[in-house]
Amino acid sequence: MQIITLLGSARKKGNTASVLSWVEEELKSLGHDVEHIYLNNKSIGGCLGCFKCQENPDEIACVQKDDAIDIMEQMIASDAILFASPIYFWGFSAQSKALIDRGFSMVTNYQKPGHTSLLKGKRIGLLVTGEDSYEENAEGMFTTFDRLVGYYLAPKAGDLYVAGTSAPDALSEAVREKALALARSLVG
């Protein structure tokens, strides 16, 4: 399988990146091709809400010409996608959120007859790291993700919340095992 991972952290070697590296290593050991994209190095403008993209359901018709277009094309060409983000203020990081918002250009007729998505059938997973418990911190983000996969007409292929993260070198073997399980569910 061709898998794309989208690291939405400002910290290239932080907690999210560390857990994601375990997922990517496992996917590669299982024989899959993995393309890692570090969103913080990309130019991704926010959605303009102009609706021009809705005029052509067969392509990414966004009027903005930035790195989001190439990333979305890679997402469409992949078999599976893994969003990886630290939790910031009960939601996705700005880097991840900008790309998610721009994903509007890959879906037409949401909640109407003819609802279609350029990501239809792609396996999509979520990896999130944060300090606080799930209930106090991440619950809303995972609800948003569940709605996002429905919007994309894509099956959810797994999710993982790693709570209590303080430093990458403090991540436990139990967290590593959960990361490996997430990798297997993504391709499962």
N, C-alpha and C. Protein backbone atom coordinates (compact mmCIF):
# COMPACT_ATOMS: atom_id res chain seq x y z
N MET A 1 0.83 -1.19 0.00
CA MET A 1 0.00 0.00 0.00
C MET A 1 0.87 1.25 0.00
N GLN A 2 0.35 2.30 -0.58
CA GLN A 2 0.99 3.62 -0.53
C GLN A 2 0.33 4.39 0.61
N ILE A 3 1.13 4.81 1.58
CA ILE A 3 0.60 5.49 2.77
C ILE A 3 1.26 6.85 2.90
N ILE A 4 0.46 7.84 3.22
CA ILE A 4 0.98 9.18 3.46
C ILE A 4 0.74 9.53 4.93
N THR A 5 1.77 10.03 5.58
CA THR A 5 1.63 10.50 6.96
C THR A 5 1.81 12.01 6.97
N LEU A 6 0.95 12.68 7.70
CA LEU A 6 0.92 14.14 7.74
C LEU A 6 1.22 14.61 9.16
N LEU A 7 2.46 15.01 9.39
CA LEU A 7 2.87 15.47 10.72
C LEU A 7 2.53 16.95 10.86
N GLY A 8 1.58 17.25 11.73
CA GLY A 8 1.11 18.61 11.93
C GLY A 8 1.62 19.23 13.20
N SER A 9 2.85 18.98 13.54
CA SER A 9 3.45 19.54 14.75
C SER A 9 4.48 20.59 14.37
N ALA A 10 4.61 21.61 15.20
CA ALA A 10 5.67 22.60 15.00
C ALA A 10 7.03 22.02 15.38
N ARG A 11 7.02 20.98 16.20
CA ARG A 11 8.26 20.37 16.68
C ARG A 11 8.58 19.13 15.85
N LYS A 12 9.62 19.24 15.06
CA LYS A 12 10.01 18.17 14.15
C LYS A 12 10.45 16.90 14.87
N LYS A 13 10.90 17.04 16.11
CA LYS A 13 11.36 15.88 16.89
C LYS A 13 10.65 15.79 18.23
N GLY A 14 9.41 16.24 18.28
CA GLY A 14 8.65 16.22 19.52
C GLY A 14 7.95 14.90 19.76
N ASN A 15 7.01 14.91 20.69
CA ASN A 15 6.29 13.69 21.06
C ASN A 15 5.53 13.08 19.89
N THR A 16 4.80 13.92 19.16
CA THR A 16 4.01 13.40 18.04
C THR A 16 4.92 12.78 17.00
N ALA A 17 6.00 13.46 16.67
CA ALA A 17 6.94 12.94 15.68
C ALA A 17 7.56 11.62 16.14
N SER A 18 7.84 11.51 17.42
CA SER A 18 8.44 10.28 17.95
C SER A 18 7.49 9.09 17.83
N VAL A 19 6.25 9.29 18.22
CA VAL A 19 5.26 8.20 18.12
C VAL A 19 5.01 7.88 16.65
N LEU A 20 4.91 8.91 15.83
CA LEU A 20 4.70 8.70 14.40
C LEU A 20 5.85 7.90 13.78
N SER A 21 7.08 8.13 14.22
CA SER A 21 8.22 7.39 13.65
C SER A 21 8.06 5.89 13.91
N TRP A 22 7.53 5.52 15.08
CA TRP A 22 7.28 4.10 15.35
C TRP A 22 6.24 3.53 14.39
N VAL A 23 5.18 4.31 14.13
CA VAL A 23 4.14 3.88 13.20
C VAL A 23 4.75 3.68 11.81
N GLU A 24 5.52 4.67 11.37
CA GLU A 24 6.12 4.60 10.03
C GLU A 24 7.10 3.44 9.91
N GLU A 25 7.90 3.20 10.92
CA GLU A 25 8.84 2.07 10.89
C GLU A 25 8.09 0.74 10.77
N GLU A 26 7.01 0.61 11.50
CA GLU A 26 6.21 -0.62 11.44
C GLU A 26 5.59 -0.79 10.06
N LEU A 27 5.05 0.28 9.50
CA LEU A 27 4.46 0.19 8.17
C LEU A 27 5.51 -0.24 7.14
N LYS A 28 6.69 0.34 7.22
CA LYS A 28 7.76 -0.03 6.29
C LYS A 28 8.19 -1.48 6.49
N SER A 29 8.25 -1.93 7.76
CA SER A 29 8.65 -3.32 8.02
C SER A 29 7.61 -4.31 7.49
N LEU A 30 6.37 -3.84 7.34
CA LEU A 30 5.30 -4.68 6.79
C LEU A 30 5.28 -4.62 5.26
N GLY A 31 6.21 -3.86 4.66
CA GLY A 31 6.34 -3.82 3.21
C GLY A 31 5.59 -2.70 2.50
N HIS A 32 5.12 -1.72 3.25
CA HIS A 32 4.36 -0.63 2.65
C HIS A 32 5.26 0.56 2.33
N ASP A 33 4.86 1.33 1.33
CA ASP A 33 5.56 2.56 0.97
C ASP A 33 4.97 3.70 1.80
N VAL A 34 5.84 4.44 2.47
CA VAL A 34 5.40 5.52 3.36
C VAL A 34 6.00 6.83 2.90
N GLU A 35 5.14 7.81 2.69
CA GLU A 35 5.56 9.17 2.37
C GLU A 35 5.24 10.05 3.57
N HIS A 36 6.26 10.62 4.17
CA HIS A 36 6.12 11.47 5.36
C HIS A 36 6.14 12.93 4.93
N ILE A 37 5.12 13.68 5.33
CA ILE A 37 5.07 15.11 5.03
C ILE A 37 5.02 15.88 6.34
N TYR A 38 5.99 16.75 6.50
CA TYR A 38 6.07 17.63 7.67
C TYR A 38 5.39 18.94 7.31
N LEU A 39 4.16 19.12 7.79
CA LEU A 39 3.32 20.25 7.39
C LEU A 39 3.89 21.61 7.79
N ASN A 40 4.68 21.65 8.84
CA ASN A 40 5.21 22.93 9.32
C ASN A 40 6.15 23.58 8.30
N ASN A 41 6.74 22.77 7.41
CA ASN A 41 7.63 23.30 6.37
C ASN A 41 6.89 23.68 5.10
N LYS A 42 5.58 23.54 5.09
CA LYS A 42 4.80 23.76 3.88
C LYS A 42 4.04 25.08 3.95
N SER A 43 3.77 25.63 2.80
CA SER A 43 2.96 26.83 2.69
C SER A 43 1.52 26.40 2.42
N ILE A 44 0.68 26.54 3.44
CA ILE A 44 -0.72 26.12 3.32
C ILE A 44 -1.60 27.26 3.83
N GLY A 45 -2.21 27.96 2.89
CA GLY A 45 -3.10 29.05 3.26
C GLY A 45 -4.44 28.52 3.75
N GLY A 46 -5.11 29.30 4.55
CA GLY A 46 -6.44 28.92 5.03
C GLY A 46 -7.45 28.96 3.90
N CYS A 47 -8.53 28.21 4.03
CA CYS A 47 -9.61 28.21 3.05
C CYS A 47 -10.19 29.61 2.95
N LEU A 48 -10.43 30.07 1.75
CA LEU A 48 -10.99 31.40 1.50
C LEU A 48 -12.51 31.41 1.52
N GLY A 49 -13.12 30.23 1.50
CA GLY A 49 -14.58 30.16 1.50
C GLY A 49 -15.21 30.72 0.23
N CYS A 50 -14.48 30.69 -0.88
CA CYS A 50 -14.98 31.27 -2.13
C CYS A 50 -15.89 30.31 -2.91
N PHE A 51 -15.83 29.02 -2.58
CA PHE A 51 -16.64 27.96 -3.19
C PHE A 51 -16.30 27.67 -4.65
N LYS A 52 -15.24 28.25 -5.19
CA LYS A 52 -14.83 27.95 -6.57
C LYS A 52 -14.52 26.47 -6.73
N CYS A 53 -13.99 25.86 -5.69
CA CYS A 53 -13.62 24.45 -5.75
C CYS A 53 -14.84 23.55 -5.94
N GLN A 54 -16.01 24.02 -5.60
CA GLN A 54 -17.21 23.20 -5.69
C GLN A 54 -17.77 23.13 -7.11
N GLU A 55 -17.19 23.89 -8.02
CA GLU A 55 -17.68 23.92 -9.39
C GLU A 55 -17.26 22.71 -10.21
N ASN A 56 -16.23 22.00 -9.75
CA ASN A 56 -15.75 20.82 -10.47
C ASN A 56 -15.46 19.70 -9.49
N PRO A 57 -16.37 18.73 -9.36
CA PRO A 57 -16.18 17.66 -8.37
C PRO A 57 -15.13 16.63 -8.74
N ASP A 58 -14.59 16.70 -9.95
CA ASP A 58 -13.65 15.69 -10.40
C ASP A 58 -12.19 16.05 -10.20
N GLU A 59 -11.92 17.22 -9.60
CA GLU A 59 -10.54 17.63 -9.40
C GLU A 59 -10.45 18.59 -8.22
N ILE A 60 -9.22 18.80 -7.77
CA ILE A 60 -8.98 19.82 -6.74
C ILE A 60 -8.99 21.16 -7.48
N ALA A 61 -10.05 21.90 -7.33
CA ALA A 61 -10.21 23.14 -8.09
C ALA A 61 -10.03 24.37 -7.20
N CYS A 62 -9.15 24.28 -6.22
CA CYS A 62 -8.90 25.39 -5.32
C CYS A 62 -8.19 26.51 -6.08
N VAL A 63 -8.60 27.75 -5.83
CA VAL A 63 -7.99 28.90 -6.51
C VAL A 63 -6.60 29.22 -5.96
N GLN A 64 -6.29 28.77 -4.75
CA GLN A 64 -4.97 29.03 -4.18
C GLN A 64 -3.96 28.03 -4.73
N LYS A 65 -2.81 28.53 -5.08
CA LYS A 65 -1.76 27.67 -5.64
C LYS A 65 -0.60 27.64 -4.64
N ASP A 66 -0.71 26.75 -3.68
CA ASP A 66 0.32 26.60 -2.65
C ASP A 66 0.59 25.12 -2.43
N ASP A 67 1.29 24.79 -1.38
CA ASP A 67 1.67 23.39 -1.13
C ASP A 67 0.48 22.49 -0.82
N ALA A 68 -0.64 23.06 -0.40
CA ALA A 68 -1.80 22.24 -0.09
C ALA A 68 -2.26 21.43 -1.31
N ILE A 69 -2.16 22.01 -2.48
CA ILE A 69 -2.58 21.30 -3.70
C ILE A 69 -1.76 20.03 -3.89
N ASP A 70 -0.45 20.13 -3.81
CA ASP A 70 0.42 18.95 -3.96
C ASP A 70 0.14 17.91 -2.88
N ILE A 71 -0.06 18.36 -1.65
CA ILE A 71 -0.34 17.43 -0.55
C ILE A 71 -1.65 16.70 -0.79
N MET A 72 -2.68 17.44 -1.19
CA MET A 72 -3.97 16.80 -1.45
C MET A 72 -3.88 15.83 -2.62
N GLU A 73 -3.10 16.16 -3.64
CA GLU A 73 -2.90 15.22 -4.75
C GLU A 73 -2.22 13.94 -4.26
N GLN A 74 -1.26 14.07 -3.34
CA GLN A 74 -0.62 12.89 -2.77
C GLN A 74 -1.61 12.09 -1.92
N MET A 75 -2.48 12.77 -1.22
CA MET A 75 -3.50 12.08 -0.44
C MET A 75 -4.41 11.27 -1.35
N ILE A 76 -4.82 11.86 -2.46
CA ILE A 76 -5.69 11.18 -3.42
C ILE A 76 -4.98 9.97 -4.02
N ALA A 77 -3.69 10.08 -4.28
CA ALA A 77 -2.92 8.99 -4.89
C ALA A 77 -2.59 7.87 -3.91
N SER A 78 -2.78 8.11 -2.63
CA SER A 78 -2.41 7.11 -1.62
C SER A 78 -3.57 6.14 -1.36
N ASP A 79 -3.23 5.06 -0.67
CA ASP A 79 -4.25 4.10 -0.23
C ASP A 79 -4.71 4.39 1.18
N ALA A 80 -3.82 4.99 1.97
CA ALA A 80 -4.13 5.28 3.37
C ALA A 80 -3.45 6.59 3.77
N ILE A 81 -4.09 7.27 4.72
CA ILE A 81 -3.61 8.57 5.19
C ILE A 81 -3.63 8.56 6.71
N LEU A 82 -2.55 9.05 7.31
CA LEU A 82 -2.51 9.16 8.76
C LEU A 82 -2.24 10.62 9.13
N PHE A 83 -3.21 11.23 9.80
CA PHE A 83 -3.03 12.57 10.36
C PHE A 83 -2.37 12.40 11.73
N ALA A 84 -1.31 13.16 11.99
CA ALA A 84 -0.62 13.11 13.28
C ALA A 84 -0.49 14.54 13.78
N SER A 85 -1.07 14.81 14.95
CA SER A 85 -1.09 16.18 15.46
C SER A 85 -1.03 16.18 16.99
N PRO A 86 -0.28 17.11 17.54
CA PRO A 86 -0.46 17.36 18.98
C PRO A 86 -1.80 18.05 19.16
N ILE A 87 -2.33 17.98 20.34
CA ILE A 87 -3.59 18.68 20.59
C ILE A 87 -3.28 20.07 21.13
N TYR A 88 -3.86 21.06 20.49
CA TYR A 88 -3.70 22.46 20.88
C TYR A 88 -5.08 23.03 21.14
N PHE A 89 -5.31 23.45 22.35
CA PHE A 89 -6.60 24.06 22.71
C PHE A 89 -7.77 23.20 22.25
N TRP A 90 -7.76 21.94 22.61
CA TRP A 90 -8.82 20.95 22.38
C TRP A 90 -9.04 20.62 20.92
N GLY A 91 -8.06 20.88 20.05
CA GLY A 91 -8.24 20.59 18.64
C GLY A 91 -6.93 20.35 17.92
N PHE A 92 -7.04 20.25 16.60
CA PHE A 92 -5.87 20.04 15.75
C PHE A 92 -4.94 21.25 15.80
N SER A 93 -3.66 21.01 15.57
CA SER A 93 -2.69 22.10 15.45
C SER A 93 -3.06 22.96 14.24
N ALA A 94 -2.57 24.18 14.21
CA ALA A 94 -2.85 25.08 13.09
C ALA A 94 -2.39 24.49 11.76
N GLN A 95 -1.24 23.81 11.78
CA GLN A 95 -0.71 23.22 10.56
C GLN A 95 -1.67 22.16 10.00
N SER A 96 -2.20 21.32 10.88
CA SER A 96 -3.15 20.29 10.46
C SER A 96 -4.49 20.90 10.06
N LYS A 97 -4.95 21.84 10.86
CA LYS A 97 -6.27 22.43 10.63
C LYS A 97 -6.34 23.15 9.29
N ALA A 98 -5.29 23.85 8.90
CA ALA A 98 -5.29 24.53 7.61
C ALA A 98 -5.48 23.53 6.47
N LEU A 99 -4.78 22.40 6.53
CA LEU A 99 -4.92 21.38 5.50
C LEU A 99 -6.31 20.75 5.54
N ILE A 100 -6.81 20.48 6.72
CA ILE A 100 -8.16 19.91 6.84
C ILE A 100 -9.19 20.86 6.23
N ASP A 101 -9.08 22.14 6.54
CA ASP A 101 -10.01 23.12 5.98
C ASP A 101 -9.93 23.15 4.46
N ARG A 102 -8.73 23.08 3.93
CA ARG A 102 -8.56 23.09 2.48
C ARG A 102 -9.10 21.81 1.84
N GLY A 103 -9.26 20.76 2.63
CA GLY A 103 -9.86 19.52 2.15
C GLY A 103 -11.28 19.70 1.65
N PHE A 104 -11.87 20.85 1.94
CA PHE A 104 -13.19 21.20 1.41
C PHE A 104 -13.20 21.07 -0.11
N SER A 105 -12.06 21.32 -0.74
CA SER A 105 -11.98 21.27 -2.20
C SER A 105 -11.97 19.84 -2.74
N MET A 106 -11.94 18.84 -1.87
CA MET A 106 -11.96 17.46 -2.33
C MET A 106 -13.33 16.81 -2.18
N VAL A 107 -14.31 17.58 -1.69
CA VAL A 107 -15.64 17.04 -1.42
C VAL A 107 -16.68 17.96 -2.03
N THR A 108 -17.69 17.36 -2.65
CA THR A 108 -18.81 18.15 -3.16
C THR A 108 -20.13 17.55 -2.71
N ASN A 109 -21.11 18.40 -2.61
CA ASN A 109 -22.50 18.03 -2.26
C ASN A 109 -22.62 17.34 -0.90
N TYR A 110 -21.88 17.80 0.08
CA TYR A 110 -21.95 17.21 1.42
C TYR A 110 -23.37 17.28 1.95
N GLN A 111 -23.85 16.17 2.45
CA GLN A 111 -25.19 16.00 3.03
C GLN A 111 -26.30 16.29 2.02
N LYS A 112 -25.99 16.10 0.74
CA LYS A 112 -26.96 16.27 -0.34
C LYS A 112 -26.86 15.07 -1.27
N PRO A 113 -27.85 14.89 -2.13
CA PRO A 113 -27.70 13.85 -3.16
C PRO A 113 -26.46 14.13 -4.00
N GLY A 114 -25.74 13.09 -4.32
CA GLY A 114 -24.53 13.24 -5.12
C GLY A 114 -23.29 13.57 -4.31
N HIS A 115 -23.36 13.43 -2.96
CA HIS A 115 -22.18 13.64 -2.11
C HIS A 115 -21.06 12.77 -2.63
N THR A 116 -19.95 13.39 -2.95
CA THR A 116 -18.81 12.64 -3.45
C THR A 116 -17.52 13.23 -2.88
N SER A 117 -16.48 12.42 -2.91
CA SER A 117 -15.20 12.83 -2.35
C SER A 117 -14.07 12.21 -3.16
N LEU A 118 -13.04 12.99 -3.38
CA LEU A 118 -11.85 12.47 -4.05
C LEU A 118 -11.07 11.51 -3.15
N LEU A 119 -11.43 11.46 -1.86
CA LEU A 119 -10.80 10.53 -0.92
C LEU A 119 -11.69 9.33 -0.59
N LYS A 120 -12.76 9.18 -1.31
CA LYS A 120 -13.70 8.09 -1.04
C LYS A 120 -12.97 6.75 -1.03
N GLY A 121 -13.18 6.00 0.06
CA GLY A 121 -12.61 4.68 0.20
C GLY A 121 -11.18 4.62 0.73
N LYS A 122 -10.51 5.77 0.87
CA LYS A 122 -9.15 5.78 1.43
C LYS A 122 -9.23 5.45 2.92
N ARG A 123 -8.30 4.68 3.40
CA ARG A 123 -8.24 4.37 4.83
C ARG A 123 -7.57 5.55 5.54
N ILE A 124 -8.22 6.06 6.57
CA ILE A 124 -7.70 7.25 7.25
C ILE A 124 -7.59 6.99 8.75
N GLY A 125 -6.44 7.36 9.31
CA GLY A 125 -6.20 7.19 10.73
C GLY A 125 -5.78 8.49 11.39
N LEU A 126 -5.77 8.47 12.71
CA LEU A 126 -5.43 9.66 13.50
C LEU A 126 -4.53 9.28 14.66
N LEU A 127 -3.46 10.06 14.82
CA LEU A 127 -2.54 9.94 15.95
C LEU A 127 -2.48 11.31 16.62
N VAL A 128 -2.73 11.34 17.93
CA VAL A 128 -2.74 12.60 18.68
C VAL A 128 -1.95 12.42 19.96
N THR A 129 -1.15 13.42 20.30
CA THR A 129 -0.47 13.44 21.59
C THR A 129 -0.90 14.66 22.36
N GLY A 130 -0.91 14.53 23.68
CA GLY A 130 -1.29 15.65 24.54
C GLY A 130 -0.94 15.39 25.98
N GLU A 131 -1.04 16.41 26.78
CA GLU A 131 -0.67 16.32 28.19
C GLU A 131 -1.79 15.75 29.06
N ASP A 132 -3.01 16.21 28.85
CA ASP A 132 -4.11 15.85 29.75
C ASP A 132 -4.83 14.59 29.31
N SER A 133 -5.78 14.16 30.15
CA SER A 133 -6.55 12.96 29.86
C SER A 133 -7.43 13.16 28.63
N TYR A 134 -7.88 12.06 28.08
CA TYR A 134 -8.75 12.09 26.90
C TYR A 134 -10.00 12.93 27.16
N GLU A 135 -10.65 12.67 28.29
CA GLU A 135 -11.91 13.35 28.60
C GLU A 135 -11.72 14.85 28.81
N GLU A 136 -10.62 15.24 29.35
CA GLU A 136 -10.38 16.66 29.64
C GLU A 136 -9.80 17.41 28.45
N ASN A 137 -9.39 16.71 27.42
CA ASN A 137 -8.57 17.32 26.40
C ASN A 137 -8.94 16.94 24.97
N ALA A 138 -9.01 15.68 24.69
CA ALA A 138 -9.02 15.21 23.30
C ALA A 138 -10.37 14.75 22.77
N GLU A 139 -11.34 14.59 23.63
CA GLU A 139 -12.61 14.01 23.20
C GLU A 139 -13.22 14.74 22.01
N GLY A 140 -13.24 16.05 22.03
CA GLY A 140 -13.82 16.82 20.93
C GLY A 140 -13.06 16.66 19.63
N MET A 141 -11.75 16.54 19.73
CA MET A 141 -10.92 16.37 18.54
C MET A 141 -11.22 15.04 17.85
N PHE A 142 -11.44 14.00 18.64
CA PHE A 142 -11.76 12.70 18.06
C PHE A 142 -13.17 12.68 17.48
N THR A 143 -14.09 13.42 18.07
CA THR A 143 -15.43 13.57 17.49
C THR A 143 -15.32 14.28 16.14
N THR A 144 -14.51 15.32 16.08
CA THR A 144 -14.28 16.03 14.81
C THR A 144 -13.71 15.07 13.77
N PHE A 145 -12.74 14.26 14.17
CA PHE A 145 -12.14 13.31 13.24
C PHE A 145 -13.16 12.31 12.72
N ASP A 146 -14.02 11.80 13.60
CA ASP A 146 -15.06 10.86 13.17
C ASP A 146 -15.96 11.50 12.12
N ARG A 147 -16.27 12.77 12.28
CA ARG A 147 -17.08 13.48 11.29
C ARG A 147 -16.30 13.70 10.01
N LEU A 148 -15.01 13.96 10.13
CA LEU A 148 -14.16 14.20 8.97
C LEU A 148 -14.11 12.98 8.05
N VAL A 149 -13.94 11.80 8.61
CA VAL A 149 -13.88 10.61 7.76
C VAL A 149 -15.22 10.37 7.07
N GLY A 150 -16.32 10.69 7.74
CA GLY A 150 -17.63 10.61 7.10
C GLY A 150 -17.76 11.61 5.96
N TYR A 151 -17.26 12.80 6.18
CA TYR A 151 -17.25 13.85 5.16
C TYR A 151 -16.46 13.39 3.93
N TYR A 152 -15.31 12.75 4.17
CA TYR A 152 -14.46 12.25 3.09
C TYR A 152 -14.98 10.94 2.48
N LEU A 153 -16.02 10.35 3.05
CA LEU A 153 -16.53 9.04 2.61
C LEU A 153 -15.44 7.98 2.70
N ALA A 154 -14.68 8.06 3.77
CA ALA A 154 -13.53 7.18 3.96
C ALA A 154 -13.69 6.37 5.25
N PRO A 155 -13.26 5.14 5.25
CA PRO A 155 -13.32 4.37 6.49
C PRO A 155 -12.25 4.81 7.49
N LYS A 156 -12.65 4.92 8.74
CA LYS A 156 -11.67 5.19 9.80
C LYS A 156 -10.88 3.92 10.04
N ALA A 157 -9.57 4.03 9.93
CA ALA A 157 -8.71 2.85 10.01
C ALA A 157 -7.92 2.81 11.31
N GLY A 158 -8.36 3.54 12.30
CA GLY A 158 -7.70 3.50 13.59
C GLY A 158 -7.39 4.88 14.11
N ASP A 159 -7.27 4.95 15.43
CA ASP A 159 -6.88 6.19 16.07
C ASP A 159 -6.17 5.88 17.38
N LEU A 160 -5.37 6.85 17.81
CA LEU A 160 -4.60 6.67 19.04
C LEU A 160 -4.42 8.02 19.70
N TYR A 161 -4.72 8.08 20.99
CA TYR A 161 -4.41 9.26 21.79
C TYR A 161 -3.37 8.87 22.82
N VAL A 162 -2.24 9.57 22.82
CA VAL A 162 -1.19 9.34 23.79
C VAL A 162 -1.23 10.50 24.78
N ALA A 163 -1.70 10.23 25.98
CA ALA A 163 -1.84 11.26 27.01
C ALA A 163 -0.61 11.29 27.91
N GLY A 164 -0.47 12.39 28.61
CA GLY A 164 0.61 12.51 29.59
C GLY A 164 1.98 12.65 28.99
N THR A 165 2.04 13.12 27.76
CA THR A 165 3.35 13.26 27.12
C THR A 165 4.08 14.48 27.67
N SER A 166 5.33 14.31 27.97
CA SER A 166 6.13 15.42 28.48
C SER A 166 7.38 15.62 27.64
N ALA A 167 8.04 14.53 27.27
CA ALA A 167 9.25 14.60 26.45
C ALA A 167 9.37 13.30 25.66
N PRO A 168 9.88 13.37 24.44
CA PRO A 168 9.99 12.16 23.62
C PRO A 168 10.73 11.01 24.29
N ASP A 169 11.78 11.31 25.06
CA ASP A 169 12.53 10.23 25.69
C ASP A 169 11.80 9.61 26.88
N ALA A 170 10.67 10.20 27.27
CA ALA A 170 9.87 9.64 28.37
C ALA A 170 8.73 8.75 27.87
N LEU A 171 8.61 8.59 26.56
CA LEU A 171 7.55 7.74 26.01
C LEU A 171 7.85 6.28 26.36
N SER A 172 6.83 5.57 26.79
CA SER A 172 7.01 4.21 27.30
C SER A 172 6.93 3.16 26.19
N GLU A 173 7.34 1.97 26.55
CA GLU A 173 7.23 0.82 25.66
C GLU A 173 5.75 0.52 25.37
N ALA A 174 4.87 0.77 26.33
CA ALA A 174 3.43 0.56 26.11
C ALA A 174 2.92 1.49 25.01
N VAL A 175 3.41 2.73 24.99
CA VAL A 175 3.03 3.67 23.93
C VAL A 175 3.55 3.16 22.58
N ARG A 176 4.77 2.65 22.57
CA ARG A 176 5.33 2.12 21.33
C ARG A 176 4.47 0.98 20.81
N GLU A 177 4.04 0.09 21.69
CA GLU A 177 3.20 -1.04 21.28
C GLU A 177 1.87 -0.55 20.70
N LYS A 178 1.30 0.49 21.29
CA LYS A 178 0.05 1.08 20.76
C LYS A 178 0.30 1.70 19.38
N ALA A 179 1.45 2.31 19.19
CA ALA A 179 1.79 2.89 17.89
C ALA A 179 1.90 1.79 16.82
N LEU A 180 2.51 0.67 17.18
CA LEU A 180 2.63 -0.44 16.24
C LEU A 180 1.26 -1.01 15.89
N ALA A 181 0.38 -1.07 16.88
CA ALA A 181 -0.99 -1.55 16.63
C ALA A 181 -1.75 -0.57 15.71
N LEU A 182 -1.53 0.72 15.89
CA LEU A 182 -2.14 1.71 15.00
C LEU A 182 -1.66 1.50 13.57
N ALA A 183 -0.39 1.26 13.39
CA ALA A 183 0.15 1.01 12.05
C ALA A 183 -0.55 -0.18 11.40
N ARG A 184 -0.70 -1.25 12.15
CA ARG A 184 -1.33 -2.45 11.60
C ARG A 184 -2.81 -2.20 11.30
N SER A 185 -3.49 -1.42 12.11
CA SER A 185 -4.91 -1.15 11.83
C SER A 185 -5.07 -0.24 10.61
N LEU A 186 -4.09 0.61 10.37
CA LEU A 186 -4.16 1.50 9.22
C LEU A 186 -4.16 0.72 7.91
N VAL A 187 -3.47 -0.37 7.86
CA VAL A 187 -3.38 -1.18 6.64
C VAL A 187 -4.24 -2.43 6.71
N GLY A 188 -4.85 -2.66 7.85
CA GLY A 188 -5.58 -3.83 8.18
C GLY A 188 -6.63 -4.36 7.37
